[in-house]
């Protein structure tokens, strides 16, 4: 399990919306389809970006 999976689960974030936001911000590759597809160290970078820029919590 990567840090992004843990972060999205613990914060009850919508995986599709999170992935869209991360891809639109060029934080992760467009080849990643789900949060578990994000490899290290990109998962840690994605979590840091979400903490600073992503506020919507939905599920």
N, C-alpha and C. Protein backbone atom coordinates (compact mmCIF):
# COMPACT_ATOMS: atom_id res chain seq x y z
N UNK A 1 0.85 -1.18 0.00
CA UNK A 1 0.00 0.00 0.00
C UNK A 1 0.89 1.24 0.00
N UNK A 2 0.61 2.19 -0.89
CA UNK A 2 1.44 3.38 -0.95
C UNK A 2 0.84 4.51 -0.11
N UNK A 3 1.60 5.58 0.06
CA UNK A 3 1.17 6.70 0.90
C UNK A 3 -0.10 7.36 0.37
N UNK A 4 -0.26 7.39 -0.94
CA UNK A 4 -1.44 8.03 -1.52
C UNK A 4 -2.70 7.23 -1.20
N UNK A 5 -2.62 5.93 -1.24
CA UNK A 5 -3.77 5.08 -0.88
C UNK A 5 -4.14 5.32 0.58
N UNK A 6 -3.16 5.32 1.45
CA UNK A 6 -3.41 5.54 2.88
C UNK A 6 -4.03 6.92 3.11
N UNK A 7 -3.49 7.93 2.46
CA UNK A 7 -3.98 9.30 2.65
C UNK A 7 -5.42 9.46 2.14
N UNK A 8 -5.71 8.94 0.96
CA UNK A 8 -7.07 9.09 0.42
C UNK A 8 -8.07 8.30 1.25
N UNK A 9 -7.70 7.13 1.71
CA UNK A 9 -8.60 6.34 2.54
C UNK A 9 -8.85 7.00 3.90
N UNK A 10 -7.80 7.44 4.54
CA UNK A 10 -7.95 8.02 5.88
C UNK A 10 -8.68 9.36 5.87
N UNK A 11 -8.62 10.06 4.74
CA UNK A 11 -9.30 11.35 4.64
C UNK A 11 -10.60 11.27 3.86
N UNK A 12 -10.98 10.05 3.51
CA UNK A 12 -12.24 9.79 2.82
C UNK A 12 -12.38 10.64 1.54
N UNK A 13 -11.32 10.68 0.77
CA UNK A 13 -11.30 11.45 -0.48
C UNK A 13 -11.80 10.59 -1.64
N UNK A 14 -12.47 11.22 -2.57
CA UNK A 14 -12.95 10.55 -3.77
C UNK A 14 -11.76 10.27 -4.68
N UNK A 15 -11.49 9.00 -4.93
CA UNK A 15 -10.31 8.61 -5.70
C UNK A 15 -10.30 9.21 -7.10
N UNK A 16 -11.42 9.22 -7.77
CA UNK A 16 -11.48 9.76 -9.14
C UNK A 16 -11.18 11.25 -9.16
N UNK A 17 -11.75 11.98 -8.22
CA UNK A 17 -11.49 13.43 -8.16
C UNK A 17 -10.05 13.74 -7.79
N UNK A 18 -9.50 12.94 -6.89
CA UNK A 18 -8.10 13.12 -6.49
C UNK A 18 -7.19 12.86 -7.69
N UNK A 19 -7.42 11.76 -8.40
CA UNK A 19 -6.58 11.44 -9.55
C UNK A 19 -6.69 12.52 -10.63
N UNK A 20 -7.90 13.02 -10.88
CA UNK A 20 -8.07 14.10 -11.86
C UNK A 20 -7.29 15.33 -11.45
N UNK A 21 -7.39 15.71 -10.18
CA UNK A 21 -6.69 16.91 -9.70
C UNK A 21 -5.17 16.74 -9.81
N UNK A 22 -4.67 15.58 -9.44
CA UNK A 22 -3.23 15.33 -9.51
C UNK A 22 -2.72 15.31 -10.95
N UNK A 23 -3.49 14.71 -11.85
CA UNK A 23 -3.09 14.67 -13.25
C UNK A 23 -3.18 16.05 -13.89
N UNK A 24 -4.21 16.81 -13.57
CA UNK A 24 -4.36 18.17 -14.11
C UNK A 24 -3.23 19.09 -13.65
N UNK A 25 -2.72 18.84 -12.45
CA UNK A 25 -1.61 19.64 -11.92
C UNK A 25 -0.25 19.08 -12.32
N UNK A 26 -0.24 18.02 -13.12
CA UNK A 26 0.99 17.37 -13.57
C UNK A 26 1.85 16.86 -12.41
N UNK A 27 1.19 16.44 -11.34
CA UNK A 27 1.90 15.87 -10.20
C UNK A 27 2.19 14.40 -10.45
N UNK A 28 1.28 13.72 -11.15
CA UNK A 28 1.44 12.31 -11.48
C UNK A 28 1.23 12.11 -12.98
N UNK A 29 1.63 10.97 -13.45
CA UNK A 29 1.50 10.63 -14.86
C UNK A 29 0.04 10.37 -15.24
N UNK A 30 -0.30 10.69 -16.47
CA UNK A 30 -1.63 10.37 -16.99
C UNK A 30 -1.82 8.86 -17.14
N UNK A 31 -0.74 8.10 -17.10
CA UNK A 31 -0.82 6.65 -17.20
C UNK A 31 -1.36 6.01 -15.92
N UNK A 32 -1.33 6.74 -14.82
CA UNK A 32 -1.86 6.22 -13.56
C UNK A 32 -3.38 6.33 -13.59
N UNK A 33 -4.06 5.22 -13.35
CA UNK A 33 -5.51 5.18 -13.41
C UNK A 33 -6.13 5.24 -12.02
N UNK A 34 -5.48 4.63 -11.05
CA UNK A 34 -5.99 4.58 -9.68
C UNK A 34 -4.88 4.97 -8.71
N UNK A 35 -5.26 5.30 -7.48
CA UNK A 35 -4.26 5.75 -6.51
C UNK A 35 -3.19 4.69 -6.25
N UNK A 36 -3.54 3.43 -6.35
CA UNK A 36 -2.54 2.39 -6.12
C UNK A 36 -1.55 2.24 -7.28
N UNK A 37 -1.83 2.90 -8.41
CA UNK A 37 -0.91 2.87 -9.55
C UNK A 37 0.26 3.84 -9.40
N UNK A 38 0.15 4.78 -8.49
CA UNK A 38 1.18 5.81 -8.33
C UNK A 38 2.37 5.21 -7.59
N UNK A 39 3.52 5.28 -8.24
CA UNK A 39 4.73 4.66 -7.69
C UNK A 39 5.46 5.61 -6.74
N UNK A 40 6.36 5.02 -5.95
CA UNK A 40 7.22 5.84 -5.08
C UNK A 40 8.29 6.48 -5.95
N UNK A 41 8.75 7.65 -5.73
CA UNK A 41 8.39 8.60 -4.67
C UNK A 41 7.23 9.52 -5.07
N UNK A 42 6.61 9.26 -6.21
CA UNK A 42 5.52 10.11 -6.66
C UNK A 42 4.34 10.10 -5.69
N UNK A 43 4.15 9.00 -4.97
CA UNK A 43 3.04 8.94 -4.02
C UNK A 43 3.22 9.97 -2.90
N UNK A 44 4.44 10.11 -2.41
CA UNK A 44 4.71 11.10 -1.36
C UNK A 44 4.55 12.52 -1.90
N UNK A 45 5.00 12.77 -3.13
CA UNK A 45 4.83 14.08 -3.76
C UNK A 45 3.35 14.41 -3.94
N UNK A 46 2.57 13.40 -4.30
CA UNK A 46 1.13 13.59 -4.50
C UNK A 46 0.45 13.94 -3.18
N UNK A 47 0.82 13.25 -2.11
CA UNK A 47 0.23 13.55 -0.80
C UNK A 47 0.57 14.97 -0.37
N UNK A 48 1.81 15.38 -0.55
CA UNK A 48 2.20 16.75 -0.20
C UNK A 48 1.41 17.77 -1.00
N UNK A 49 1.23 17.50 -2.29
CA UNK A 49 0.46 18.42 -3.13
C UNK A 49 -0.98 18.48 -2.65
N UNK A 50 -1.57 17.34 -2.33
CA UNK A 50 -2.95 17.32 -1.85
C UNK A 50 -3.11 18.10 -0.55
N UNK A 51 -2.16 17.95 0.36
CA UNK A 51 -2.23 18.67 1.63
C UNK A 51 -2.23 20.18 1.42
N UNK A 52 -1.49 20.65 0.42
CA UNK A 52 -1.38 22.08 0.16
C UNK A 52 -2.50 22.62 -0.73
N UNK A 53 -3.02 21.80 -1.64
CA UNK A 53 -3.88 22.33 -2.69
C UNK A 53 -5.27 21.74 -2.80
N UNK A 54 -5.53 20.64 -2.17
CA UNK A 54 -6.81 19.94 -2.38
C UNK A 54 -7.62 19.96 -1.10
N UNK A 55 -8.78 20.59 -1.14
CA UNK A 55 -9.59 20.75 0.06
C UNK A 55 -10.88 19.94 0.04
N UNK A 56 -11.37 19.57 -1.12
CA UNK A 56 -12.66 18.89 -1.20
C UNK A 56 -12.58 17.47 -0.65
N UNK A 57 -13.45 17.15 0.28
CA UNK A 57 -13.49 15.80 0.86
C UNK A 57 -14.88 15.23 0.59
N UNK A 58 -14.92 14.29 -0.33
CA UNK A 58 -16.19 13.66 -0.66
C UNK A 58 -15.99 12.18 -0.87
N UNK A 59 -17.00 11.44 -0.59
CA UNK A 59 -16.99 10.03 -0.91
C UNK A 59 -18.41 9.52 -0.87
